[in-house]
């Protein structure tokens, strides 16, 4: 028996199962499938696309729900304040000294003064240094979760056991260390700056994309958030027992970003300038405002650690080292 998965984006046929799907319920996913809803097809598990209605009745049919864009007559600071408030009783924020998490921290502390700011990385890493600057700026303690090579290897093994792919393991090591520490200290809800890069053109690759292609490039990046980043964080947070919330993925924040005009003659659309301007109005240090994007695995020192571990175990490269765990 073949079980078909039908959608605008994919059609998958599997001959590896004789199992009949009898559940005829309808599953609705939100814009990014932030809950990482999935369906099983025999031996396979498929992460569902965002903004979809899924019906299962012997076969699985996925219908894309069209986006209903709305006009946002608010400023970005107001929208972000609202999105952080909507995160409820958050008690911690994952920070790196980057502009994304620094803005969330500045706003979060105004809403919840007792909120914990937590950074993960090696003691001499760039993320730890910039997070200390952020703490001084906000007159708030930043707790440092200091990693070493042994801890990196242990966490990598844990993430491998969760079934994460190699790239997700590399990115997830610092996130896991921070979330685990937050849980150990009694925290229940932690905020993440995930989504800002996709919405506000924060990736270095954005500069290589012609301005008239930026919108479609962004849509592609957003479409795969649920399959990669959100799934990684969901698996880790479930393992730890803590809830992760994403202010930048609030509906109004997304609508605001998507509604911005892209001026093909201006460089202001790149490098999250709109967020840096907001950070300036929030009083963030110039060092934080001018810091260039550095992915977490580099800013925390994890990549160098994995390179050392690969050499120690006499394995050719980081990818092969992680696969060997």
Protein backbone atom coordinates (compact mmCIF):
# COMPACT_ATOMS: atom_id res chain seq x y z
CA UNK A 1 0.00 0.00 0.00
CA UNK A 2 1.31 3.45 -0.86
CA UNK A 3 0.61 6.36 1.45
CA UNK A 4 0.69 9.73 -0.23
CA UNK A 5 1.62 13.04 1.34
CA UNK A 6 0.21 15.74 -0.91
CA UNK A 7 0.93 19.46 -0.75
CA UNK A 8 1.94 22.42 -2.86
CA UNK A 9 5.52 21.79 -1.86
CA UNK A 10 6.01 18.06 -1.92
CA UNK A 11 4.62 14.67 -2.83
CA UNK A 12 6.12 11.70 -1.03
CA UNK A 13 5.27 8.07 -1.70
CA UNK A 14 6.38 5.29 0.64
CA UNK A 15 6.16 1.58 -0.12
CA UNK A 16 7.85 0.70 3.20
CA UNK A 17 4.69 0.25 5.26
CA UNK A 18 1.45 -1.67 5.23
CA UNK A 19 0.09 0.41 8.11
CA UNK A 20 -3.21 2.10 7.41
CA UNK A 21 -3.73 5.62 8.75
CA UNK A 22 -7.16 5.64 10.34
CA UNK A 23 -7.04 8.99 12.14
CA UNK A 24 -9.32 11.34 10.20
CA UNK A 25 -8.69 14.38 12.41
CA UNK A 26 -7.66 17.70 10.95
CA UNK A 27 -4.38 19.20 12.11
CA UNK A 28 -3.80 22.95 11.88
CA UNK A 29 -0.31 24.36 12.01
CA UNK A 30 0.50 28.00 12.76
CA UNK A 31 2.60 30.18 10.50
CA UNK A 32 5.89 28.43 11.31
CA UNK A 33 4.58 25.19 12.81
CA UNK A 34 6.16 26.40 16.05
CA UNK A 35 4.89 23.32 17.90
CA UNK A 36 6.71 21.14 15.37
CA UNK A 37 3.63 19.06 14.63
CA UNK A 38 4.38 15.96 12.60
CA UNK A 39 2.78 12.87 11.09
CA UNK A 40 4.16 9.34 10.87
CA UNK A 41 4.14 7.41 7.64
CA UNK A 42 5.21 3.94 8.61
CA UNK A 43 8.89 4.25 9.50
CA UNK A 44 9.06 7.90 8.50
CA UNK A 45 8.17 11.03 10.45
CA UNK A 46 7.37 14.17 8.46
CA UNK A 47 7.49 17.63 10.02
CA UNK A 48 4.48 19.47 8.67
CA UNK A 49 4.72 22.81 6.84
CA UNK A 50 3.51 25.96 8.53
CA UNK A 51 0.18 27.63 7.83
CA UNK A 52 -1.45 24.40 6.72
CA UNK A 53 -4.50 22.24 7.25
CA UNK A 54 -3.72 18.53 7.28
CA UNK A 55 -6.35 15.82 6.95
CA UNK A 56 -5.61 12.14 7.51
CA UNK A 57 -8.06 9.56 6.24
CA UNK A 58 -6.09 6.74 4.64
CA UNK A 59 -3.85 9.25 2.96
CA UNK A 60 -2.55 12.56 4.18
CA UNK A 61 -3.56 15.71 2.36
CA UNK A 62 -1.94 19.03 3.14
CA UNK A 63 -3.60 22.24 2.07
CA UNK A 64 -1.71 25.49 2.33
CA UNK A 65 -3.60 28.23 4.15
CA UNK A 66 -3.07 31.52 2.36
CA UNK A 67 -1.53 34.32 4.40
CA UNK A 68 -3.96 37.08 5.29
CA UNK A 69 -1.69 40.08 5.52
CA UNK A 70 -2.81 42.85 7.82
CA UNK A 71 -1.73 46.45 8.08
CA UNK A 72 0.32 47.15 11.19
CA UNK A 73 -0.10 50.75 12.30
CA UNK A 74 2.41 50.51 15.12
CA UNK A 75 6.09 51.21 15.55
CA UNK A 76 8.53 48.32 15.88
CA UNK A 77 9.31 49.11 19.52
CA UNK A 78 5.62 48.98 20.43
CA UNK A 79 5.17 45.72 18.55
CA UNK A 80 8.16 44.11 20.23
CA UNK A 81 7.05 45.28 23.68
CA UNK A 82 3.68 43.66 22.97
CA UNK A 83 5.27 40.45 21.69
CA UNK A 84 7.46 40.10 24.80
CA UNK A 85 4.44 40.72 27.05
CA UNK A 86 2.55 38.02 25.18
CA UNK A 87 5.26 35.55 26.17
CA UNK A 88 3.62 35.50 29.60
CA UNK A 89 5.52 34.66 32.76
CA UNK A 90 8.98 34.38 31.23
CA UNK A 91 11.77 34.19 33.80
CA UNK A 92 14.93 34.03 31.70
CA UNK A 93 16.41 35.27 28.42
CA UNK A 94 19.10 33.59 26.35
CA UNK A 95 21.60 36.33 25.42
CA UNK A 96 24.76 36.45 23.34
CA UNK A 97 25.60 40.13 23.17
CA UNK A 98 24.17 40.23 19.65
CA UNK A 99 21.65 42.88 18.65
CA UNK A 100 18.69 40.44 18.54
CA UNK A 101 18.88 39.10 22.08
CA UNK A 102 20.15 42.43 23.46
CA UNK A 103 16.93 44.15 22.36
CA UNK A 104 14.80 41.37 23.82
CA UNK A 105 16.78 41.64 27.07
CA UNK A 106 16.38 45.44 27.23
CA UNK A 107 12.63 45.14 26.72
CA UNK A 108 12.26 42.04 28.86
CA UNK A 109 13.87 43.67 31.89
CA UNK A 110 11.46 46.60 31.64
CA UNK A 111 8.58 44.14 31.81
CA UNK A 112 10.10 41.72 34.34
CA UNK A 113 12.94 43.23 36.37
CA UNK A 114 13.70 39.91 38.00
CA UNK A 115 14.33 38.14 34.71
CA UNK A 116 17.58 36.16 34.41
CA UNK A 117 19.96 36.96 31.55
CA UNK A 118 22.05 33.90 30.64
CA UNK A 119 24.91 33.55 28.15
CA UNK A 120 26.75 30.38 27.22
CA UNK A 121 30.26 30.03 25.86
CA UNK A 122 33.93 29.61 26.60
CA UNK A 123 35.25 32.08 29.16
CA UNK A 124 37.25 34.07 26.59
CA UNK A 125 34.63 33.86 23.83
CA UNK A 126 33.22 36.86 22.03
CA UNK A 127 29.65 36.13 23.13
CA UNK A 128 30.61 36.12 26.81
CA UNK A 129 32.53 39.41 26.47
CA UNK A 130 29.68 41.18 24.69
CA UNK A 131 27.10 39.77 27.10
CA UNK A 132 29.08 41.33 29.95
CA UNK A 133 28.85 44.69 28.14
CA UNK A 134 25.09 44.16 27.83
CA UNK A 135 24.79 43.47 31.55
CA UNK A 136 26.63 46.70 32.35
CA UNK A 137 24.40 48.61 29.94
CA UNK A 138 21.22 47.25 31.48
CA UNK A 139 22.50 47.35 35.05
CA UNK A 140 21.69 43.68 35.36
CA UNK A 141 23.67 40.57 36.21
CA UNK A 142 24.39 38.27 33.29
CA UNK A 143 24.96 34.68 34.37
CA UNK A 144 27.75 32.99 32.41
CA UNK A 145 27.49 29.29 31.65
CA UNK A 146 31.13 28.55 30.92
CA UNK A 147 31.86 25.64 28.60
CA UNK A 148 34.97 23.52 28.18
CA UNK A 149 35.88 20.81 25.69
CA UNK A 150 34.67 17.98 27.91
CA UNK A 151 31.27 19.60 28.36
CA UNK A 152 30.96 20.29 24.64
CA UNK A 153 31.61 16.62 23.90
CA UNK A 154 29.04 15.49 26.49
CA UNK A 155 26.35 17.79 25.15
CA UNK A 156 27.11 16.78 21.56
CA UNK A 157 26.51 13.14 22.55
CA UNK A 158 23.21 14.06 24.22
CA UNK A 159 22.03 15.93 21.13
CA UNK A 160 23.08 13.07 18.89
CA UNK A 161 20.91 10.76 21.00
CA UNK A 162 17.99 13.13 20.35
CA UNK A 163 18.37 12.41 16.65
CA UNK A 164 19.56 15.87 15.64
CA UNK A 165 21.56 16.27 12.45
CA UNK A 166 25.20 17.36 12.53
CA UNK A 167 24.54 21.04 11.84
CA UNK A 168 21.80 21.22 14.47
CA UNK A 169 24.11 19.62 17.02
CA UNK A 170 26.81 22.23 16.36
CA UNK A 171 24.34 25.10 16.74
CA UNK A 172 22.46 23.51 19.62
CA UNK A 173 25.34 22.91 22.03
CA UNK A 174 25.32 26.44 23.49
CA UNK A 175 21.52 26.64 23.50
CA UNK A 176 21.29 23.34 25.36
CA UNK A 177 23.83 24.44 27.98
CA UNK A 178 21.92 27.68 28.64
CA UNK A 179 18.49 26.03 28.80
CA UNK A 180 19.74 23.27 31.07
CA UNK A 181 21.27 25.81 33.45
CA UNK A 182 18.03 27.83 33.46
CA UNK A 183 16.06 24.70 34.32
CA UNK A 184 18.48 23.79 37.12
CA UNK A 185 17.93 27.25 38.64
CA UNK A 186 14.17 26.78 38.63
CA UNK A 187 13.31 28.73 35.47
CA UNK A 188 10.33 27.58 33.43
CA UNK A 189 10.14 29.92 30.43
CA UNK A 190 13.11 31.26 28.49
CA UNK A 191 13.07 33.77 25.61
CA UNK A 192 15.10 33.35 22.43
CA UNK A 193 15.97 35.86 19.70
CA UNK A 194 15.34 33.29 16.97
CA UNK A 195 13.77 34.65 13.78
CA UNK A 196 15.32 38.08 13.68
CA UNK A 197 17.96 37.14 11.12
CA UNK A 198 15.35 35.81 8.71
CA UNK A 199 12.98 38.76 9.12
CA UNK A 200 15.43 41.66 9.14
CA UNK A 201 18.11 40.49 6.70
CA UNK A 202 20.78 39.62 9.23
CA UNK A 203 22.67 36.91 7.34
CA UNK A 204 25.87 37.67 5.49
CA UNK A 205 24.38 35.82 2.54
CA UNK A 206 21.68 38.47 2.24
CA UNK A 207 24.24 40.85 0.74
CA UNK A 208 24.83 38.39 -2.09
CA UNK A 209 21.12 38.31 -2.96
CA UNK A 210 19.90 40.94 -5.48
CA UNK A 211 17.47 43.33 -3.75
CA UNK A 212 14.61 42.28 -6.05
CA UNK A 213 15.10 38.68 -4.87
CA UNK A 214 15.28 39.41 -1.15
CA UNK A 215 11.59 38.90 -0.41
CA UNK A 216 11.47 35.46 -1.98
CA UNK A 217 14.78 34.53 -0.31
CA UNK A 218 13.34 35.57 3.05
CA UNK A 219 10.19 33.55 2.45
CA UNK A 220 12.31 30.46 1.82
CA UNK A 221 14.29 31.00 5.02
CA UNK A 222 11.11 31.50 7.04
CA UNK A 223 9.46 28.45 5.53
CA UNK A 224 12.19 26.17 6.84
CA UNK A 225 12.34 27.58 10.36
CA UNK A 226 9.96 24.90 11.57
CA UNK A 227 11.91 22.04 10.02
CA UNK A 228 15.30 23.08 11.34
CA UNK A 229 15.57 25.70 14.10
CA UNK A 230 12.23 25.23 15.83
CA UNK A 231 12.48 21.45 15.68
CA UNK A 232 15.97 21.58 17.21
CA UNK A 233 14.84 23.81 20.05
CA UNK A 234 11.67 21.80 20.59
CA UNK A 235 13.58 18.55 20.98
CA UNK A 236 16.07 20.11 23.38
CA UNK A 237 13.49 21.96 25.48
CA UNK A 238 11.34 18.82 25.78
CA UNK A 239 14.40 16.88 26.96
CA UNK A 240 15.26 19.54 29.55
CA UNK A 241 11.70 20.37 30.60
CA UNK A 242 11.67 24.10 29.88
CA UNK A 243 9.54 26.17 27.50
CA UNK A 244 11.20 28.38 24.89
CA UNK A 245 9.36 31.39 23.47
CA UNK A 246 10.19 33.52 20.44
CA UNK A 247 9.17 37.20 20.52
CA UNK A 248 10.40 37.84 16.97
CA UNK A 249 8.05 35.17 15.63
CA UNK A 250 4.95 36.86 17.03
CA UNK A 251 2.37 37.41 14.29
CA UNK A 252 2.52 41.20 14.48
CA UNK A 253 6.32 41.29 14.38
CA UNK A 254 6.32 39.04 11.32
CA UNK A 255 3.62 41.10 9.60
CA UNK A 256 5.53 44.31 10.33
CA UNK A 257 8.76 42.91 8.86
CA UNK A 258 7.04 41.53 5.77
CA UNK A 259 5.28 44.83 5.13
CA UNK A 260 8.50 46.87 5.01
CA UNK A 261 9.32 48.31 1.62
CA UNK A 262 12.61 47.14 0.20
CA UNK A 263 14.46 50.08 -1.29
CA UNK A 264 16.65 48.63 -4.01
CA UNK A 265 18.89 51.72 -3.95
CA UNK A 266 19.61 51.64 -0.25
CA UNK A 267 21.89 49.56 1.98
CA UNK A 268 19.61 50.26 4.94
CA UNK A 269 17.73 47.02 4.34
CA UNK A 270 20.77 44.92 5.21
CA UNK A 271 22.39 43.95 8.50
CA UNK A 272 19.29 44.57 10.62
CA UNK A 273 19.68 48.35 10.54
CA UNK A 274 16.12 48.83 11.74
CA UNK A 275 16.93 46.79 14.86
CA UNK A 276 20.18 48.64 15.45
CA UNK A 277 18.25 51.92 15.31
CA UNK A 278 15.81 50.51 17.85
CA UNK A 279 18.70 49.37 20.04
CA UNK A 280 20.08 52.91 19.94
CA UNK A 281 16.74 54.30 21.14
CA UNK A 282 16.82 51.76 23.97
CA UNK A 283 20.21 53.10 25.04
CA UNK A 284 22.34 50.10 24.11
CA UNK A 285 26.12 50.55 24.00
CA UNK A 286 27.67 51.45 20.63
CA UNK A 287 29.82 48.32 20.86
CA UNK A 288 26.66 46.22 20.90
CA UNK A 289 25.02 48.25 18.14
CA UNK A 290 28.02 47.96 15.85
CA UNK A 291 28.83 44.31 16.49
CA UNK A 292 28.59 42.30 13.30
CA UNK A 293 26.56 39.13 13.08
CA UNK A 294 28.43 36.08 14.35
CA UNK A 295 26.67 32.74 14.46
CA UNK A 296 26.34 31.24 17.93
CA UNK A 297 28.66 28.32 17.25
CA UNK A 298 31.45 30.79 16.44
CA UNK A 299 30.68 33.51 18.96
CA UNK A 300 30.54 31.00 21.81
CA UNK A 301 33.77 29.22 20.86
CA UNK A 302 32.02 25.88 20.23
CA UNK A 303 33.31 25.44 16.69
CA UNK A 304 36.95 25.80 17.81
CA UNK A 305 36.25 23.36 20.63
CA UNK A 306 34.86 20.78 18.20
CA UNK A 307 37.91 21.26 16.00
CA UNK A 308 40.16 20.56 19.00
CA UNK A 309 38.12 17.49 19.91
CA UNK A 310 38.33 16.19 16.34
CA UNK A 311 42.10 16.54 16.40
CA UNK A 312 42.29 14.94 19.86
CA UNK A 313 40.35 11.90 18.64
CA UNK A 314 42.35 11.84 15.39
CA UNK A 315 39.29 12.38 13.26
CA UNK A 316 39.59 14.38 10.04
CA UNK A 317 36.91 17.01 10.59
CA UNK A 318 34.12 18.18 12.87
CA UNK A 319 31.36 16.53 10.84
CA UNK A 320 32.99 13.11 11.05
CA UNK A 321 33.72 13.60 14.74
CA UNK A 322 30.06 14.29 15.52
CA UNK A 323 28.95 11.34 13.40
CA UNK A 324 31.34 9.13 15.39
CA UNK A 325 29.80 10.04 18.75
